[in-house]
């Protein structure tokens, strides 16, 4: 099975930090940005406790869903996904972004798998659950989700292509057989990627074609 994995913000959708934008919508941006800076790389449980369990608990869900509706696909995403599906690829998203946004992409783009985080909502309000199981994708651990996906579907990591654009995608890039940095915002990601692609996402298609030719040659007896 051929598998390609995408980050979401800045790769599938326009580049924003969804959760910081949600802080703006809820009027918690200043404290939320400070907490994110302090804990996102060091203590994700503490970040979830403070933001979801305290700042957002009981907030109305409408601003959350309104923000999801506002986010736009990057140009050529739909055409690129269609071409990849035609070539037989299974497509996944691994992102620290929201489950509902990824589900929208899954339905509209025909994606196969999504690994994301989930903000629990009940009776149109943020529940405020501090349970970390709802926040499995954290800074630096996307490679764990990648390996889990490969184990489930008996895929060799060497056959996986990943497309990312920032520091959070570095370990995933290191683990995959072929890594593409799309309009990268991280020098480290560039360092560990096989190919740097700039401009439209459709430009990854040529890089993937080159990888497939090399892979086919390597597999020949």
Protein backbone atom coordinates (compact mmCIF):
# COMPACT_ATOMS: atom_id res chain seq x y z
CA UNK A 1 0.00 0.00 0.00
CA UNK A 2 1.25 3.48 -0.88
CA UNK A 3 0.79 6.01 1.90
CA UNK A 4 1.26 9.77 1.99
CA UNK A 5 0.85 11.77 5.18
CA UNK A 6 0.16 15.48 5.40
CA UNK A 7 0.37 18.02 8.15
CA UNK A 8 -2.74 20.18 8.16
CA UNK A 9 -2.05 23.86 8.96
CA UNK A 10 0.03 25.39 6.19
CA UNK A 11 -0.12 22.26 4.02
CA UNK A 12 -3.79 21.40 3.50
CA UNK A 13 -5.27 24.58 4.94
CA UNK A 14 -3.99 28.15 5.09
CA UNK A 15 -1.31 28.63 7.70
CA UNK A 16 -2.72 29.59 11.06
CA UNK A 17 -2.24 28.21 14.53
CA UNK A 18 -5.81 27.07 15.05
CA UNK A 19 -5.68 26.95 18.82
CA UNK A 20 -4.16 30.43 19.15
CA UNK A 21 -6.84 31.76 16.81
CA UNK A 22 -9.43 30.16 19.06
CA UNK A 23 -7.89 31.97 22.03
CA UNK A 24 -8.50 35.21 20.15
CA UNK A 25 -12.13 34.25 19.58
CA UNK A 26 -12.60 33.52 23.28
CA UNK A 27 -10.70 36.58 24.51
CA UNK A 28 -8.02 34.44 26.16
CA UNK A 29 -5.21 35.12 23.70
CA UNK A 30 -2.69 36.83 25.96
CA UNK A 31 -2.74 34.17 28.67
CA UNK A 32 -3.18 31.37 26.13
CA UNK A 33 -0.14 32.43 24.11
CA UNK A 34 1.94 32.64 27.29
CA UNK A 35 0.84 29.16 28.41
CA UNK A 36 1.52 27.73 24.96
CA UNK A 37 5.01 29.22 24.88
CA UNK A 38 5.74 27.85 28.34
CA UNK A 39 4.31 24.33 28.06
CA UNK A 40 3.73 23.18 24.47
CA UNK A 41 7.17 21.56 24.17
CA UNK A 42 7.70 20.57 27.80
CA UNK A 43 4.44 19.69 29.57
CA UNK A 44 1.45 19.15 27.28
CA UNK A 45 -0.69 17.83 30.11
CA UNK A 46 -0.20 21.10 31.97
CA UNK A 47 -1.14 23.02 28.83
CA UNK A 48 -4.34 21.00 28.45
CA UNK A 49 -5.14 21.43 32.15
CA UNK A 50 -4.77 25.20 32.01
CA UNK A 51 -6.35 25.90 28.62
CA UNK A 52 -9.06 23.27 28.19
CA UNK A 53 -9.71 22.58 31.84
CA UNK A 54 -9.73 26.20 32.97
CA UNK A 55 -9.70 28.95 30.31
CA UNK A 56 -12.14 27.37 27.89
CA UNK A 57 -14.27 25.28 30.21
CA UNK A 58 -17.94 26.17 29.80
CA UNK A 59 -17.34 28.48 26.83
CA UNK A 60 -19.92 28.38 24.03
CA UNK A 61 -18.97 26.09 21.16
CA UNK A 62 -20.16 28.48 18.44
CA UNK A 63 -16.86 30.41 18.06
CA UNK A 64 -15.06 27.08 17.64
CA UNK A 65 -17.32 25.92 14.82
CA UNK A 66 -17.34 29.40 13.26
CA UNK A 67 -13.53 29.32 13.11
CA UNK A 68 -13.56 25.91 11.42
CA UNK A 69 -15.97 27.24 8.79
CA UNK A 70 -13.71 30.24 8.10
CA UNK A 71 -10.53 28.28 7.36
CA UNK A 72 -9.75 27.93 3.67
CA UNK A 73 -7.96 25.24 1.73
CA UNK A 74 -4.71 26.26 0.12
CA UNK A 75 -4.80 26.53 -3.69
CA UNK A 76 -4.70 23.26 -5.67
CA UNK A 77 -5.25 21.03 -2.61
CA UNK A 78 -8.37 19.36 -4.00
CA UNK A 79 -6.78 18.73 -7.40
CA UNK A 80 -3.62 17.33 -5.78
CA UNK A 81 -5.57 14.96 -3.52
CA UNK A 82 -7.59 13.77 -6.52
CA UNK A 83 -4.40 13.05 -8.48
CA UNK A 84 -2.83 11.16 -5.59
CA UNK A 85 -5.94 9.03 -5.15
CA UNK A 86 -5.90 8.29 -8.88
CA UNK A 87 -2.31 7.07 -8.48
CA UNK A 88 -3.41 4.66 -5.76
CA UNK A 89 -2.23 6.47 -2.64
CA UNK A 90 -3.86 6.22 0.74
CA UNK A 91 -3.83 9.70 2.28
CA UNK A 92 -3.61 10.58 5.95
CA UNK A 93 -3.48 13.70 8.10
CA UNK A 94 -1.41 13.77 11.27
CA UNK A 95 -1.91 17.10 13.00
CA UNK A 96 -2.24 18.71 16.40
CA UNK A 97 -5.20 20.60 14.95
CA UNK A 98 -8.90 19.93 15.61
CA UNK A 99 -10.67 16.71 14.75
CA UNK A 100 -13.65 18.45 13.13
CA UNK A 101 -11.44 20.30 10.65
CA UNK A 102 -9.67 17.09 9.68
CA UNK A 103 -13.00 15.29 9.33
CA UNK A 104 -14.15 17.99 6.93
CA UNK A 105 -11.02 17.46 4.85
CA UNK A 106 -11.47 13.70 5.01
CA UNK A 107 -14.97 13.95 3.59
CA UNK A 108 -14.28 16.61 0.97
CA UNK A 109 -10.89 15.33 -0.23
CA UNK A 110 -11.52 11.60 0.09
CA UNK A 111 -8.82 11.05 2.70
CA UNK A 112 -8.36 7.70 4.39
CA UNK A 113 -7.02 8.33 7.91
CA UNK A 114 -6.87 11.21 10.36
CA UNK A 115 -4.87 11.53 13.58
CA UNK A 116 -5.72 14.76 15.39
CA UNK A 117 -6.77 16.28 18.70
CA UNK A 118 -10.31 16.63 19.99
CA UNK A 119 -11.92 19.46 21.90
CA UNK A 120 -14.83 17.85 23.73
CA UNK A 121 -18.17 19.59 23.33
CA UNK A 122 -21.47 18.79 25.03
CA UNK A 123 -24.74 20.73 24.90
CA UNK A 124 -23.01 23.34 22.73
CA UNK A 125 -20.40 24.12 25.38
CA UNK A 126 -16.74 23.23 25.85
CA UNK A 127 -16.69 20.37 28.35
CA UNK A 128 -13.24 21.19 29.64
CA UNK A 129 -11.96 17.62 29.89
CA UNK A 130 -8.36 17.42 31.06
CA UNK A 131 -8.05 13.84 29.86
CA UNK A 132 -4.89 13.78 27.72
CA UNK A 133 -6.23 10.88 25.64
CA UNK A 134 -8.22 13.44 23.67
CA UNK A 135 -4.97 15.25 22.81
CA UNK A 136 -2.75 12.49 21.40
CA UNK A 137 -0.84 14.61 18.87
CA UNK A 138 1.65 16.76 20.73
CA UNK A 139 4.81 18.60 19.81
CA UNK A 140 7.47 16.16 18.68
CA UNK A 141 5.37 12.97 18.73
CA UNK A 142 3.87 12.84 15.23
CA UNK A 143 6.32 10.05 14.38
CA UNK A 144 4.59 7.87 16.99
CA UNK A 145 1.27 8.26 15.18
CA UNK A 146 3.05 7.52 11.90
CA UNK A 147 4.50 4.29 13.25
CA UNK A 148 1.14 3.28 14.74
CA UNK A 149 -0.56 3.79 11.38
CA UNK A 150 2.12 1.72 9.63
CA UNK A 151 1.81 -1.11 12.18
CA UNK A 152 -1.96 -1.24 11.77
CA UNK A 153 -1.75 -1.52 8.00
CA UNK A 154 1.51 -3.45 7.65
CA UNK A 155 3.28 -0.64 5.80
CA UNK A 156 7.06 -0.32 5.63
CA UNK A 157 8.19 3.11 6.85
CA UNK A 158 10.52 3.25 3.85
CA UNK A 159 7.46 3.37 1.58
CA UNK A 160 5.83 6.31 3.37
CA UNK A 161 5.91 9.88 2.08
CA UNK A 162 5.35 12.77 4.49
CA UNK A 163 4.63 16.39 3.65
CA UNK A 164 5.20 18.94 6.40
CA UNK A 165 6.20 22.54 6.81
CA UNK A 166 7.37 23.36 10.33
CA UNK A 167 9.42 22.21 13.30
CA UNK A 168 6.71 19.91 14.62
CA UNK A 169 7.10 17.74 11.49
CA UNK A 170 10.84 17.05 11.90
CA UNK A 171 10.66 13.68 13.67
CA UNK A 172 8.02 12.48 11.22
CA UNK A 173 10.30 13.52 8.36
CA UNK A 174 13.18 11.57 9.91
CA UNK A 175 11.06 8.42 10.20
CA UNK A 176 9.58 8.29 6.70
CA UNK A 177 11.08 6.92 3.53
CA UNK A 178 10.67 10.23 1.75
CA UNK A 179 10.04 13.65 3.29
CA UNK A 180 8.91 16.78 1.50
CA UNK A 181 9.20 20.20 3.13
CA UNK A 182 6.43 22.30 1.59
CA UNK A 183 7.03 26.05 1.89
CA UNK A 184 9.04 25.25 5.03
CA UNK A 185 9.13 27.47 8.10
CA UNK A 186 11.87 25.43 9.77
CA UNK A 187 15.54 25.09 8.81
CA UNK A 188 15.69 21.83 10.72
CA UNK A 189 12.84 20.39 8.67
CA UNK A 190 14.70 21.36 5.50
CA UNK A 191 17.78 19.59 6.84
CA UNK A 192 15.94 16.29 7.30
CA UNK A 193 13.75 16.43 4.18
CA UNK A 194 14.58 14.74 0.90
CA UNK A 195 12.99 17.51 -1.12
CA UNK A 196 12.05 21.14 -0.57
CA UNK A 197 9.03 22.26 -2.59
CA UNK A 198 7.86 25.85 -2.80
CA UNK A 199 4.70 27.38 -4.19
CA UNK A 200 1.59 25.32 -4.90
CA UNK A 201 1.04 21.96 -3.24
CA UNK A 202 0.62 20.46 -6.71
CA UNK A 203 4.39 20.87 -7.10
CA UNK A 204 4.85 17.90 -4.77
CA UNK A 205 3.57 15.59 -7.51
CA UNK A 206 6.81 15.77 -9.49
CA UNK A 207 8.88 15.07 -6.37
CA UNK A 208 6.70 12.06 -5.58
CA UNK A 209 7.03 10.76 -9.12
CA UNK A 210 10.82 10.93 -8.83
CA UNK A 211 10.71 9.08 -5.49
CA UNK A 212 8.50 6.35 -6.96
CA UNK A 213 10.89 5.83 -9.88
CA UNK A 214 13.81 5.48 -7.49
CA UNK A 215 11.84 3.13 -5.26
CA UNK A 216 10.83 0.95 -8.21
CA UNK A 217 14.45 0.66 -9.34
CA UNK A 218 15.57 -0.25 -5.83
CA UNK A 219 13.00 -3.03 -5.60
CA UNK A 220 14.02 -4.67 -8.87
CA UNK A 221 15.82 -8.01 -8.39
